[in-house]
Amino acid sequence: MSKIIDARGRSCPEPVIMTKNALDTENEGIKVLVDTNVAVENITRFAEGKGYKVEVTENSDDYEINIIR
């Protein structure tokens, strides 16, 4: 099971920094929960730039970002 990072309620760049720190320690991938489209765009850009595959699911009030190698 992948690690879950709950970054809801946090402003950028904090969700990106939390994602970077998690990816530094996790080998399988992570799931990031955020509540703004800006955070989705920034995390997606960061992860894809590092060579990860990113899948985004929009829920009613937030987004779930799955990041895998």
Protein backbone atom coordinates (compact mmCIF):
# COMPACT_ATOMS: atom_id res chain seq x y z
CA MET A 1 0.00 0.00 0.00
CA SER A 2 1.33 3.40 -0.91
CA LYS A 3 1.92 6.15 1.62
CA ILE A 4 -0.82 8.79 1.90
CA ILE A 5 0.10 12.46 2.22
CA ASP A 6 -2.76 14.70 3.35
CA ALA A 7 -1.93 18.22 2.14
CA ARG A 8 -5.50 19.51 2.18
CA GLY A 9 -5.78 23.02 3.60
CA ARG A 10 -2.14 23.85 2.86
CA SER A 11 -0.94 26.48 0.42
CA CYS A 12 1.71 26.00 -2.25
CA PRO A 13 4.54 25.33 -2.15
CA GLU A 14 3.96 23.29 1.01
CA PRO A 15 2.10 20.41 -0.76
CA VAL A 16 4.94 20.16 -3.29
CA ILE A 17 7.54 20.07 -0.51
CA MET A 18 5.55 17.39 1.35
CA THR A 19 5.36 15.38 -1.90
CA LYS A 20 9.10 15.73 -2.53
CA ASN A 21 9.94 14.61 1.01
CA ALA A 22 7.64 11.58 0.71
CA LEU A 23 9.06 10.57 -2.67
CA ASP A 24 12.56 10.76 -1.22
CA THR A 25 11.69 7.95 1.21
CA GLU A 26 9.08 5.87 -0.66
CA ASN A 27 10.01 3.49 -3.44
CA GLU A 28 6.56 2.26 -4.49
CA GLY A 29 4.80 5.56 -4.93
CA ILE A 30 2.51 7.77 -2.92
CA LYS A 31 -1.01 9.14 -2.81
CA VAL A 32 -1.42 12.88 -2.17
CA LEU A 33 -4.68 14.50 -1.09
CA VAL A 34 -5.08 18.21 -1.91
CA ASP A 35 -7.98 20.63 -2.18
CA THR A 36 -6.88 23.15 -4.80
CA ASN A 37 -6.32 22.90 -8.52
CA VAL A 38 -3.10 24.93 -8.14
CA ALA A 39 -1.66 22.24 -5.88
CA VAL A 40 -2.66 19.54 -8.40
CA GLU A 41 -0.90 21.40 -11.21
CA ASN A 42 2.25 22.08 -9.19
CA ILE A 43 2.56 18.53 -7.84
CA THR A 44 1.85 17.02 -11.26
CA ARG A 45 4.51 19.22 -12.88
CA PHE A 46 7.03 18.37 -10.16
CA ALA A 47 6.42 14.60 -10.23
CA GLU A 48 6.36 14.29 -14.02
CA GLY A 49 9.57 16.34 -14.16
CA LYS A 50 11.16 13.70 -11.90
CA GLY A 51 9.99 10.87 -14.17
CA TYR A 52 6.97 9.67 -12.19
CA LYS A 53 3.60 8.70 -13.65
CA VAL A 54 0.75 10.81 -12.25
CA GLU A 55 -2.96 10.01 -12.09
CA VAL A 56 -5.41 12.58 -10.74
CA THR A 57 -8.91 11.80 -9.51
CA GLU A 58 -11.27 14.67 -8.67
CA ASN A 59 -13.63 14.00 -5.81
CA SER A 60 -16.40 16.29 -4.62
CA ASP A 61 -14.26 18.62 -2.48
CA ASP A 62 -10.71 17.53 -3.15
CA TYR A 63 -8.29 15.75 -5.45
CA GLU A 64 -6.43 12.47 -5.11
CA ILE A 65 -3.07 12.33 -6.86
CA ASN A 66 -1.47 8.92 -7.33
CA ILE A 67 2.23 9.12 -8.09
CA ILE A 68 4.04 5.97 -9.18
CA ARG A 69 7.33 5.11 -10.86
